N, C-alpha and C. Protein backbone atom coordinates (compact mmCIF):
# COMPACT_ATOMS: atom_id res chain seq x y z
N MET A 1 95.89 100.38 97.85
CA MET A 1 96.73 99.57 98.70
C MET A 1 96.07 98.20 98.83
N LEU A 2 96.80 97.17 98.53
CA LEU A 2 96.30 95.81 98.63
C LEU A 2 96.46 95.26 100.05
N THR A 3 95.83 94.14 100.31
CA THR A 3 95.86 93.56 101.65
C THR A 3 97.30 93.31 102.12
N GLN A 4 98.12 92.74 101.26
CA GLN A 4 99.50 92.44 101.66
C GLN A 4 100.28 93.71 101.98
N GLU A 5 100.02 94.77 101.22
CA GLU A 5 100.68 96.05 101.49
C GLU A 5 100.19 96.64 102.81
N THR A 6 98.90 96.47 103.09
CA THR A 6 98.33 96.94 104.35
C THR A 6 98.94 96.19 105.51
N VAL A 7 99.06 94.87 105.37
CA VAL A 7 99.66 94.04 106.42
C VAL A 7 101.10 94.48 106.67
N SER A 8 101.87 94.71 105.61
CA SER A 8 103.25 95.15 105.76
C SER A 8 103.34 96.50 106.47
N ALA A 9 102.44 97.43 106.11
CA ALA A 9 102.44 98.75 106.75
C ALA A 9 102.09 98.65 108.22
N ILE A 10 101.11 97.82 108.57
CA ILE A 10 100.74 97.65 109.98
C ILE A 10 101.91 97.06 110.76
N ALA A 11 102.56 96.06 110.19
CA ALA A 11 103.70 95.43 110.86
C ALA A 11 104.82 96.44 111.08
N GLU A 12 105.07 97.27 110.10
CA GLU A 12 106.14 98.27 110.21
C GLU A 12 105.81 99.32 111.29
N ILE A 13 104.57 99.79 111.29
CA ILE A 13 104.18 100.82 112.26
C ILE A 13 104.19 100.30 113.69
N THR A 14 103.69 99.07 113.86
CA THR A 14 103.59 98.52 115.22
C THR A 14 104.88 97.85 115.69
N GLY A 15 105.79 97.58 114.77
CA GLY A 15 107.02 96.89 115.14
C GLY A 15 106.81 95.39 115.34
N GLY A 16 105.66 94.90 114.92
CA GLY A 16 105.35 93.47 115.05
C GLY A 16 105.67 92.74 113.76
N THR A 17 105.27 91.48 113.73
CA THR A 17 105.50 90.66 112.54
C THR A 17 104.34 90.80 111.57
N LYS A 18 104.60 90.42 110.32
CA LYS A 18 103.54 90.43 109.32
C LYS A 18 102.47 89.41 109.68
N LYS A 19 102.87 88.31 110.27
CA LYS A 19 101.92 87.27 110.67
C LYS A 19 100.94 87.83 111.71
N ASP A 20 101.46 88.54 112.70
CA ASP A 20 100.60 89.15 113.72
C ASP A 20 99.69 90.22 113.12
N ALA A 21 100.26 91.04 112.23
CA ALA A 21 99.47 92.10 111.60
C ALA A 21 98.33 91.50 110.78
N LYS A 22 98.61 90.42 110.04
CA LYS A 22 97.56 89.77 109.24
C LYS A 22 96.49 89.19 110.16
N ALA A 23 96.89 88.61 111.29
CA ALA A 23 95.93 88.06 112.24
C ALA A 23 95.02 89.16 112.80
N HIS A 24 95.59 90.32 113.10
CA HIS A 24 94.80 91.44 113.62
C HIS A 24 93.85 91.98 112.55
N LEU A 25 94.33 92.09 111.32
CA LEU A 25 93.48 92.57 110.24
C LEU A 25 92.33 91.59 109.98
N ASP A 26 92.63 90.29 109.98
CA ASP A 26 91.58 89.27 109.80
C ASP A 26 90.56 89.31 110.93
N ALA A 27 91.03 89.52 112.15
CA ALA A 27 90.13 89.61 113.30
C ALA A 27 89.22 90.83 113.17
N PHE A 28 89.77 91.95 112.72
CA PHE A 28 88.97 93.16 112.52
C PHE A 28 87.88 92.90 111.48
N LYS A 29 88.26 92.28 110.35
CA LYS A 29 87.26 91.97 109.32
C LYS A 29 86.18 91.05 109.87
N GLU A 30 86.57 90.06 110.65
CA GLU A 30 85.61 89.12 111.23
C GLU A 30 84.63 89.82 112.16
N VAL A 31 85.12 90.74 112.96
CA VAL A 31 84.26 91.49 113.88
C VAL A 31 83.26 92.35 113.10
N VAL A 32 83.72 93.05 112.08
CA VAL A 32 82.85 93.93 111.30
C VAL A 32 81.81 93.11 110.54
N VAL A 33 82.24 92.06 109.86
CA VAL A 33 81.30 91.23 109.10
C VAL A 33 80.28 90.58 110.03
N GLY A 34 80.73 90.08 111.17
CA GLY A 34 79.81 89.47 112.13
C GLY A 34 78.76 90.45 112.62
N ALA A 35 79.17 91.66 112.91
CA ALA A 35 78.22 92.68 113.38
C ALA A 35 77.21 93.02 112.28
N LEU A 36 77.67 93.16 111.06
CA LEU A 36 76.77 93.48 109.96
C LEU A 36 75.78 92.34 109.70
N GLU A 37 76.25 91.11 109.82
CA GLU A 37 75.37 89.96 109.64
C GLU A 37 74.26 89.94 110.70
N ARG A 38 74.57 90.42 111.89
CA ARG A 38 73.57 90.49 112.96
C ARG A 38 72.68 91.73 112.84
N GLY A 39 72.95 92.57 111.84
CA GLY A 39 72.16 93.78 111.65
C GLY A 39 72.64 94.95 112.47
N GLU A 40 73.80 94.86 113.06
CA GLU A 40 74.36 95.94 113.87
C GLU A 40 75.22 96.85 113.00
N ASP A 41 75.32 98.10 113.37
CA ASP A 41 76.21 99.04 112.71
C ASP A 41 77.53 99.09 113.46
N VAL A 42 78.60 99.40 112.74
CA VAL A 42 79.92 99.55 113.34
C VAL A 42 80.41 100.96 113.02
N GLU A 43 80.71 101.74 114.06
CA GLU A 43 81.15 103.11 113.85
C GLU A 43 82.50 103.33 114.52
N LEU A 44 83.47 103.71 113.71
CA LEU A 44 84.78 104.08 114.22
C LEU A 44 84.89 105.58 114.04
N LYS A 45 84.57 106.32 115.10
CA LYS A 45 84.49 107.78 115.03
C LYS A 45 85.77 108.38 114.45
N GLY A 46 85.59 109.31 113.53
CA GLY A 46 86.71 109.96 112.89
C GLY A 46 87.34 109.14 111.78
N PHE A 47 86.75 107.96 111.46
CA PHE A 47 87.34 107.11 110.43
C PHE A 47 86.28 106.60 109.45
N VAL A 48 85.44 105.66 109.88
CA VAL A 48 84.47 105.06 108.96
C VAL A 48 83.29 104.49 109.74
N SER A 49 82.14 104.42 109.08
CA SER A 49 80.96 103.77 109.64
C SER A 49 80.49 102.71 108.67
N PHE A 50 80.24 101.51 109.18
CA PHE A 50 79.69 100.41 108.39
C PHE A 50 78.24 100.23 108.82
N THR A 51 77.31 100.26 107.87
CA THR A 51 75.90 100.13 108.18
C THR A 51 75.23 99.15 107.23
N THR A 52 74.03 98.71 107.62
CA THR A 52 73.22 97.89 106.73
C THR A 52 71.88 98.59 106.52
N LYS A 53 71.30 98.36 105.36
CA LYS A 53 70.00 98.92 105.03
C LYS A 53 69.11 97.80 104.52
N GLU A 54 67.83 97.89 104.83
CA GLU A 54 66.86 96.97 104.28
C GLU A 54 66.45 97.48 102.90
N VAL A 55 66.52 96.62 101.90
CA VAL A 55 66.13 96.97 100.55
C VAL A 55 64.84 96.22 100.23
N ALA A 56 63.82 96.94 99.80
CA ALA A 56 62.51 96.34 99.51
C ALA A 56 62.56 95.51 98.23
N GLU A 57 61.63 94.58 98.12
CA GLU A 57 61.50 93.78 96.92
C GLU A 57 61.16 94.69 95.74
N ARG A 58 61.69 94.38 94.56
CA ARG A 58 61.42 95.21 93.40
C ARG A 58 61.48 94.35 92.14
N THR A 59 60.98 94.89 91.06
CA THR A 59 61.10 94.20 89.78
C THR A 59 62.21 94.89 88.99
N ALA A 60 62.95 94.08 88.25
CA ALA A 60 64.05 94.60 87.43
C ALA A 60 63.96 93.93 86.07
N GLN A 61 64.79 94.38 85.15
CA GLN A 61 64.78 93.81 83.82
C GLN A 61 66.13 93.16 83.53
N ASN A 62 66.09 91.92 83.05
CA ASN A 62 67.30 91.22 82.65
C ASN A 62 67.83 91.89 81.38
N PRO A 63 69.04 92.45 81.39
CA PRO A 63 69.54 93.17 80.22
C PRO A 63 69.84 92.26 79.03
N GLN A 64 70.01 90.96 79.27
CA GLN A 64 70.33 90.05 78.17
C GLN A 64 69.11 89.70 77.32
N ASN A 65 67.96 89.55 77.97
CA ASN A 65 66.79 89.14 77.20
C ASN A 65 65.56 90.03 77.43
N GLY A 66 65.67 91.05 78.25
CA GLY A 66 64.56 91.97 78.48
C GLY A 66 63.48 91.43 79.40
N GLU A 67 63.65 90.23 79.90
CA GLU A 67 62.65 89.61 80.77
C GLU A 67 62.64 90.29 82.14
N GLU A 68 61.43 90.47 82.70
CA GLU A 68 61.32 91.05 84.04
C GLU A 68 61.58 89.97 85.08
N VAL A 69 62.33 90.34 86.10
CA VAL A 69 62.63 89.43 87.21
C VAL A 69 62.34 90.14 88.52
N VAL A 70 62.02 89.36 89.54
CA VAL A 70 61.75 89.92 90.86
C VAL A 70 63.02 89.81 91.70
N VAL A 71 63.49 90.93 92.21
CA VAL A 71 64.64 90.95 93.10
C VAL A 71 64.07 90.93 94.52
N PRO A 72 64.34 89.87 95.30
CA PRO A 72 63.74 89.78 96.63
C PRO A 72 64.29 90.83 97.60
N ALA A 73 63.55 91.08 98.66
CA ALA A 73 64.00 91.99 99.70
C ALA A 73 65.27 91.43 100.34
N HIS A 74 66.18 92.30 100.69
CA HIS A 74 67.44 91.86 101.29
C HIS A 74 68.09 93.02 102.05
N ARG A 75 69.15 92.68 102.76
CA ARG A 75 69.94 93.71 103.46
C ARG A 75 71.15 94.03 102.61
N LYS A 76 71.56 95.28 102.64
CA LYS A 76 72.68 95.75 101.85
C LYS A 76 73.65 96.47 102.78
N GLY A 77 74.92 96.15 102.68
CA GLY A 77 75.93 96.80 103.50
C GLY A 77 76.52 98.01 102.80
N SER A 78 76.94 98.98 103.59
CA SER A 78 77.60 100.14 103.03
C SER A 78 78.60 100.70 104.04
N ALA A 79 79.54 101.46 103.51
CA ALA A 79 80.54 102.10 104.36
C ALA A 79 80.58 103.58 104.02
N SER A 80 80.71 104.41 105.03
CA SER A 80 80.79 105.87 104.84
C SER A 80 82.02 106.39 105.58
N LEU A 81 82.81 107.16 104.86
CA LEU A 81 83.98 107.77 105.48
C LEU A 81 83.57 108.93 106.37
N ALA A 82 84.37 109.18 107.37
CA ALA A 82 84.16 110.35 108.24
C ALA A 82 84.35 111.62 107.41
N LYS A 83 83.68 112.67 107.81
CA LYS A 83 83.76 113.94 107.06
C LYS A 83 85.20 114.41 106.87
N SER A 84 86.03 114.19 107.86
CA SER A 84 87.41 114.66 107.77
C SER A 84 88.21 113.92 106.70
N LEU A 85 87.74 112.76 106.26
CA LEU A 85 88.46 111.98 105.24
C LEU A 85 87.84 112.11 103.86
N ARG A 86 86.72 112.75 103.74
CA ARG A 86 86.04 112.83 102.45
C ARG A 86 86.76 113.72 101.44
N LYS A 87 87.70 114.52 101.88
CA LYS A 87 88.42 115.41 100.96
C LYS A 87 89.43 114.66 100.10
N PHE A 88 89.75 113.42 100.48
CA PHE A 88 90.75 112.65 99.72
C PHE A 88 90.10 112.11 98.52
C-alpha cells in the first residue's frame, strides 16, 4: 500500500478529507522520526515498536575495489511488528 492509498483509506474510515488524513499521517511520521532522533523508542502496543540501536565502529570492504574502509559508529533505526501481526 502506497502513501496515497493509505491516505485515501484513512480518509474513508474516518469520514474526513484526504487533506486532513495526509496531515495526520505526516504528523505521525514527524513524531516518530523526532523521537528516534532523540534516541527514544516509540511503542504502539499491539501494533509496532520503533527502536534505535547503537552500532559500533567496524571495518568493511568496498566491493568495487576490495579496499578496506572504516564504517563509523552510528545509531540505526528498526521497527518490529507486534506478535499478533507477525503471522501476515
